[in-house]
C-alpha atoms as a PDB file:
ATOM      1  CA  UNK A   1      -0.228-121.930 -20.822  1.00  0.00           C
ATOM      2  CA  UNK A   2      -3.098-120.280 -18.944  1.00  0.00           C
ATOM      3  CA  UNK A   3      -4.553-121.275 -15.625  1.00  0.00           C
ATOM      4  CA  UNK A   4      -8.134-120.884 -14.444  1.00  0.00           C
ATOM      5  CA  UNK A   5      -8.969-121.192 -10.772  1.00  0.00           C
ATOM      6  CA  UNK A   6     -12.497-121.877  -9.481  1.00  0.00           C
ATOM      7  CA  UNK A   7     -13.701-121.710  -5.922  1.00  0.00           C
ATOM      8  CA  UNK A   8     -16.722-123.979  -5.509  1.00  0.00           C
ATOM      9  CA  UNK A   9     -18.439-124.830  -2.233  1.00  0.00           C
ATOM     10  CA  UNK A  10     -19.565-128.428  -1.813  1.00  0.00           C
ATOM     11  CA  UNK A  11     -22.115-130.004   0.495  1.00  0.00           C
ATOM     12  CA  UNK A  12     -21.696-133.549   1.787  1.00  0.00           C
ATOM     13  CA  UNK A  13     -24.848-135.607   1.107  1.00  0.00           C
ATOM     14  CA  UNK A  14     -25.857-139.208   1.871  1.00  0.00           C
ATOM     15  CA  UNK A  15     -28.032-141.042  -0.665  1.00  0.00           C
ATOM     16  CA  UNK A  16     -30.564-142.231   1.902  1.00  0.00           C
ATOM     17  CA  UNK A  17     -31.934-145.028  -0.271  1.00  0.00           C
ATOM     18  CA  UNK A  18     -32.253-148.390   1.544  1.00  0.00           C
ATOM     19  CA  UNK A  19     -29.172-150.455   0.812  1.00  0.00           C
ATOM     20  CA  UNK A  20     -27.176-147.534  -0.589  1.00  0.00           C
ATOM     21  CA  UNK A  21     -24.661-146.018   1.779  1.00  0.00           C
ATOM     22  CA  UNK A  22     -23.065-143.675  -0.733  1.00  0.00           C
ATOM     23  CA  UNK A  23     -21.793-140.372   0.582  1.00  0.00           C
ATOM     24  CA  UNK A  24     -20.900-137.805  -2.038  1.00  0.00           C
ATOM     25  CA  UNK A  25     -20.422-134.089  -2.546  1.00  0.00           C
ATOM     26  CA  UNK A  26     -22.872-131.845  -4.320  1.00  0.00           C
ATOM     27  CA  UNK A  27     -22.098-128.265  -5.284  1.00  0.00           C
ATOM     28  CA  UNK A  28     -23.724-125.716  -2.983  1.00  0.00           C
ATOM     29  CA  UNK A  29     -25.465-124.106  -5.967  1.00  0.00           C
ATOM     30  CA  UNK A  30     -26.977-127.408  -7.167  1.00  0.00           C
ATOM     31  CA  UNK A  31     -27.902-128.395  -3.599  1.00  0.00           C
ATOM     32  CA  UNK A  32     -29.714-125.085  -2.982  1.00  0.00           C
ATOM     33  CA  UNK A  33     -31.456-125.200  -6.371  1.00  0.00           C
ATOM     34  CA  UNK A  34     -32.807-128.755  -5.940  1.00  0.00           C
ATOM     35  CA  UNK A  35     -33.875-128.009  -2.373  1.00  0.00           C
ATOM     36  CA  UNK A  36     -35.657-124.820  -3.527  1.00  0.00           C
ATOM     37  CA  UNK A  37     -37.409-126.312  -6.557  1.00  0.00           C
ATOM     38  CA  UNK A  38     -37.908-129.889  -5.344  1.00  0.00           C
ATOM     39  CA  UNK A  39     -36.500-131.325  -8.580  1.00  0.00           C
ATOM     40  CA  UNK A  40     -35.218-134.895  -8.636  1.00  0.00           C
ATOM     41  CA  UNK A  41     -31.465-135.545  -8.436  1.00  0.00           C
ATOM     42  CA  UNK A  42     -29.468-138.795  -8.586  1.00  0.00           C
ATOM     43  CA  UNK A  43     -26.833-140.326  -6.350  1.00  0.00           C
ATOM     44  CA  UNK A  44     -23.678-141.763  -8.006  1.00  0.00           C
ATOM     45  CA  UNK A  45     -25.316-145.228  -7.987  1.00  0.00           C
ATOM     46  CA  UNK A  46     -28.226-143.859 -10.046  1.00  0.00           C
ATOM     47  CA  UNK A  47     -30.942-143.755  -7.376  1.00  0.00           C
ATOM     48  CA  UNK A  48     -33.457-140.960  -8.016  1.00  0.00           C
ATOM     49  CA  UNK A  49     -33.798-138.713  -4.968  1.00  0.00           C
ATOM     50  CA  UNK A  50     -35.815-135.592  -4.167  1.00  0.00           C
ATOM     51  CA  UNK A  51     -36.176-133.384  -1.123  1.00  0.00           C
ATOM     52  CA  UNK A  52     -39.350-134.120   0.811  1.00  0.00           C
ATOM     53  CA  UNK A  53     -41.630-131.499   2.276  1.00  0.00           C
ATOM     54  CA  UNK A  54     -41.831-127.842   1.511  1.00  0.00           C
ATOM     55  CA  UNK A  55     -38.811-125.740   0.801  1.00  0.00           C
ATOM     56  CA  UNK A  56     -37.810-122.944   3.115  1.00  0.00           C
ATOM     57  CA  UNK A  57     -38.974-120.410   0.524  1.00  0.00           C
ATOM     58  CA  UNK A  58     -42.397-122.103   0.261  1.00  0.00           C
ATOM     59  CA  UNK A  59     -42.742-122.127   4.042  1.00  0.00           C
ATOM     60  CA  UNK A  60     -41.777-118.455   4.168  1.00  0.00           C
ATOM     61  CA  UNK A  61     -44.286-117.507   1.432  1.00  0.00           C
ATOM     62  CA  UNK A  62     -47.046-119.432   3.216  1.00  0.00           C
ATOM     63  CA  UNK A  63     -46.193-117.811   6.552  1.00  0.00           C
ATOM     64  CA  UNK A  64     -46.248-114.346   4.950  1.00  0.00           C
ATOM     65  CA  UNK A  65     -49.593-115.088   3.288  1.00  0.00           C
ATOM     66  CA  UNK A  66     -51.003-116.318   6.603  1.00  0.00           C
ATOM     67  CA  UNK A  67     -49.732-113.201   8.397  1.00  0.00           C
ATOM     68  CA  UNK A  68     -51.285-110.955   5.746  1.00  0.00           C
ATOM     69  CA  UNK A  69     -54.570-112.853   5.977  1.00  0.00           C
ATOM     70  CA  UNK A  70     -54.664-112.566   9.771  1.00  0.00           C
ATOM     71  CA  UNK A  71     -53.789-108.864   9.648  1.00  0.00           C
ATOM     72  CA  UNK A  72     -56.597-108.248   7.150  1.00  0.00           C
ATOM     73  CA  UNK A  73     -59.053-110.183   9.322  1.00  0.00           C
ATOM     74  CA  UNK A  74     -57.994-108.233  12.402  1.00  0.00           C
ATOM     75  CA  UNK A  75     -58.426-104.894  10.629  1.00  0.00           C
ATOM     76  CA  UNK A  76     -61.833-105.919   9.263  1.00  0.00           C
ATOM     77  CA  UNK A  77     -62.940-107.051  12.722  1.00  0.00           C
ATOM     78  CA  UNK A  78     -61.755-103.800  14.282  1.00  0.00           C
ATOM     79  CA  UNK A  79     -63.628-101.748  11.667  1.00  0.00           C
ATOM     80  CA  UNK A  80     -66.783-103.819  12.171  1.00  0.00           C
ATOM     81  CA  UNK A  81     -66.552-103.493  15.966  1.00  0.00           C
ATOM     82  CA  UNK A  82     -66.137 -99.724  15.675  1.00  0.00           C
ATOM     83  CA  UNK A  83     -69.100 -99.506  13.292  1.00  0.00           C
ATOM     84  CA  UNK A  84     -71.275-101.523  15.676  1.00  0.00           C
ATOM     85  CA  UNK A  85     -70.115 -99.448  18.658  1.00  0.00           C
ATOM     86  CA  UNK A  86     -71.041 -96.236  16.881  1.00  0.00           C
ATOM     87  CA  UNK A  87     -74.431 -97.622  15.790  1.00  0.00           C
ATOM     88  CA  UNK A  88     -75.224 -98.746  19.337  1.00  0.00           C
ATOM     89  CA  UNK A  89     -74.197 -95.403  20.775  1.00  0.00           C
ATOM     90  CA  UNK A  90     -76.287 -93.576  18.162  1.00  0.00           C
ATOM     91  CA  UNK A  91     -79.351 -95.742  18.888  1.00  0.00           C
ATOM     92  CA  UNK A  92     -78.974 -95.302  22.655  1.00  0.00           C
ATOM     93  CA  UNK A  93     -78.652 -91.549  22.292  1.00  0.00           C
ATOM     94  CA  UNK A  94     -81.682 -91.321  20.000  1.00  0.00           C
ATOM     95  CA  UNK A  95     -83.706 -93.581  22.327  1.00  0.00           C
ATOM     96  CA  UNK A  96     -82.855 -91.404  25.340  1.00  0.00           C
ATOM     97  CA  UNK A  97     -84.123 -88.386  23.383  1.00  0.00           C
ATOM     98  CA  UNK A  98     -87.448 -90.090  22.599  1.00  0.00           C
ATOM     99  CA  UNK A  99     -86.719 -91.016  18.976  1.00  0.00           C
ATOM    100  CA  UNK A 100     -87.521 -94.505  17.713  1.00  0.00           C
ATOM    101  CA  UNK A 101     -84.325 -96.042  16.228  1.00  0.00           C
ATOM    102  CA  UNK A 102     -86.437 -97.983  13.690  1.00  0.00           C
ATOM    103  CA  UNK A 103     -88.791 -95.421  12.185  1.00  0.00           C
ATOM    104  CA  UNK A 104     -87.128 -92.137  13.282  1.00  0.00           C
ATOM    105  CA  UNK A 105     -90.327 -90.745  14.825  1.00  0.00           C
ATOM    106  CA  UNK A 106     -90.528 -89.059  18.226  1.00  0.00           C
ATOM    107  CA  UNK A 107     -92.591 -90.514  21.080  1.00  0.00           C
ATOM    108  CA  UNK A 108     -93.038 -89.751  24.751  1.00  0.00           C
ATOM    109  CA  UNK A 109     -92.780 -93.451  25.579  1.00  0.00           C
ATOM    110  CA  UNK A 110     -90.466 -94.927  22.980  1.00  0.00           C
ATOM    111  CA  UNK A 111     -90.199 -98.274  24.750  1.00  0.00           C
ATOM    112  CA  UNK A 112     -93.966 -98.840  24.533  1.00  0.00           C
ATOM    113  CA  UNK A 113     -93.958 -97.786  20.864  1.00  0.00           C
ATOM    114  CA  UNK A 114     -91.105-100.213  20.033  1.00  0.00           C
ATOM    115  CA  UNK A 115     -92.779-103.112  21.883  1.00  0.00           C
ATOM    116  CA  UNK A 116     -96.034-102.482  19.978  1.00  0.00           C
ATOM    117  CA  UNK A 117     -94.813-101.466  16.519  1.00  0.00           C
ATOM    118  CA  UNK A 118     -91.437-103.181  16.213  1.00  0.00           C
ATOM    119  CA  UNK A 119     -91.709-106.450  18.205  1.00  0.00           C
ATOM    120  CA  UNK A 120     -88.683-107.984  16.439  1.00  0.00           C
ATOM    121  CA  UNK A 121     -86.363-105.140  17.559  1.00  0.00           C
ATOM    122  CA  UNK A 122     -84.161-106.043  20.540  1.00  0.00           C
ATOM    123  CA  UNK A 123     -85.046-103.211  22.895  1.00  0.00           C
ATOM    124  CA  UNK A 124     -82.608-104.448  25.547  1.00  0.00           C
ATOM    125  CA  UNK A 125     -79.827-102.837  23.472  1.00  0.00           C
ATOM    126  CA  UNK A 126     -81.176 -99.354  24.065  1.00  0.00           C
ATOM    127  CA  UNK A 127     -83.572 -99.663  26.986  1.00  0.00           C
ATOM    128  CA  UNK A 128     -82.454 -97.872  30.101  1.00  0.00           C
ATOM    129  CA  UNK A 129     -80.584 -95.362  27.987  1.00  0.00           C
ATOM    130  CA  UNK A 130     -82.345 -92.501  29.751  1.00  0.00           C
ATOM    131  CA  UNK A 131     -80.570 -93.455  32.975  1.00  0.00           C
ATOM    132  CA  UNK A 132     -77.327 -94.491  31.357  1.00  0.00           C
ATOM    133  CA  UNK A 133     -73.984 -92.867  31.906  1.00  0.00           C
ATOM    134  CA  UNK A 134     -71.544 -92.124  29.144  1.00  0.00           C
ATOM    135  CA  UNK A 135     -68.000 -93.277  29.839  1.00  0.00           C
ATOM    136  CA  UNK A 136     -64.707 -92.227  28.364  1.00  0.00           C
ATOM    137  CA  UNK A 137     -61.850 -94.711  27.966  1.00  0.00           C
ATOM    138  CA  UNK A 138     -59.860 -92.605  30.455  1.00  0.00           C
ATOM    139  CA  UNK A 139     -62.321 -93.694  33.182  1.00  0.00           C
ATOM    140  CA  UNK A 140     -64.458 -90.576  33.621  1.00  0.00           C
ATOM    141  CA  UNK A 141     -68.265 -90.863  33.453  1.00  0.00           C
ATOM    142  CA  UNK A 142     -70.823 -88.315  32.308  1.00  0.00           C
ATOM    143  CA  UNK A 143     -74.597 -88.105  32.608  1.00  0.00           C
ATOM    144  CA  UNK A 144     -75.040 -86.817  29.079  1.00  0.00           C
ATOM    145  CA  UNK A 145     -73.467 -87.503  25.729  1.00  0.00           C
ATOM    146  CA  UNK A 146     -72.836 -83.796  25.377  1.00  0.00           C
ATOM    147  CA  UNK A 147     -70.733 -83.813  28.564  1.00  0.00           C
ATOM    148  CA  UNK A 148     -68.705 -86.724  27.217  1.00  0.00           C
ATOM    149  CA  UNK A 149     -68.212 -85.044  23.834  1.00  0.00           C
ATOM    150  CA  UNK A 150     -67.144 -81.793  25.515  1.00  0.00           C
ATOM    151  CA  UNK A 151     -64.609 -83.713  27.630  1.00  0.00           C
ATOM    152  CA  UNK A 152     -63.284 -85.568  24.588  1.00  0.00           C
ATOM    153  CA  UNK A 153     -63.031 -82.349  22.602  1.00  0.00           C
ATOM    154  CA  UNK A 154     -60.889 -80.755  25.307  1.00  0.00           C
ATOM    155  CA  UNK A 155     -58.653 -83.816  25.769  1.00  0.00           C
ATOM    156  CA  UNK A 156     -57.957 -84.877  22.174  1.00  0.00           C
ATOM    157  CA  UNK A 157     -55.736 -83.232  19.634  1.00  0.00           C
ATOM    158  CA  UNK A 158     -56.722 -82.859  15.980  1.00  0.00           C
ATOM    159  CA  UNK A 159     -55.171 -86.184  14.931  1.00  0.00           C
ATOM    160  CA  UNK A 160     -56.687 -88.432  17.662  1.00  0.00           C
ATOM    161  CA  UNK A 161     -58.397 -90.736  15.131  1.00  0.00           C
ATOM    162  CA  UNK A 162     -55.209 -91.821  13.320  1.00  0.00           C
ATOM    163  CA  UNK A 163     -54.585 -95.475  14.315  1.00  0.00           C
ATOM    164  CA  UNK A 164     -50.819 -95.368  13.751  1.00  0.00           C
ATOM    165  CA  UNK A 165     -50.411 -92.527  16.224  1.00  0.00           C
ATOM    166  CA  UNK A 166     -49.330 -93.268  19.785  1.00  0.00           C
ATOM    167  CA  UNK A 167     -52.314 -92.997  22.136  1.00  0.00           C
ATOM    168  CA  UNK A 168     -54.864 -93.092  19.319  1.00  0.00           C
ATOM    169  CA  UNK A 169     -57.360 -95.013  21.473  1.00  0.00           C
ATOM    170  CA  UNK A 170     -57.245 -92.452  24.292  1.00  0.00           C
ATOM    171  CA  UNK A 171     -60.515 -90.715  25.171  1.00  0.00           C
ATOM    172  CA  UNK A 172     -62.796 -92.954  23.137  1.00  0.00           C
ATOM    173  CA  UNK A 173     -66.397 -93.561  24.047  1.00  0.00           C
ATOM    174  CA  UNK A 174     -66.952 -96.730  26.074  1.00  0.00           C
ATOM    175  CA  UNK A 175     -70.234 -98.509  25.386  1.00  0.00           C
ATOM    176  CA  UNK A 176     -71.198-101.191  27.857  1.00  0.00           C
ATOM    177  CA  UNK A 177     -73.847-103.651  26.794  1.00  0.00           C
END
């Protein structure tokens, strides 16, 4: 005669149907499977039952998808903000040097040219650039973009632009609107 021994974990479950007060045991494996898949199961009295709501795995997948979506949005917003910052800085620098940011021609009075030739351009973005100061994120200010770039070149190492590096935002150009 041979003997086989099984170790099975059971979970105590109540039917939950109105009028049925049956308590019974369900194997842990079956319990986990029905909870995960949402399939219908039956109490000993024959009442069909199913787990309501989303399973833990579904909630986890949705949370991971949401986190990925938010991370992607954050990265896209950061890239767009950096692109806009660079464009604004470029336009201000060109304006201060007498170059029209719209048609790339040089003028002694660029503001008058823009008001006359490009009335739809928002000159408030770049106006006053001749008297503007250029600021570094470390707090120092410079009268020229060249002074700022020289400062940044002396302060940064070769890998300053890598976002995963500690201190990657140090010595960046600050543009105030």
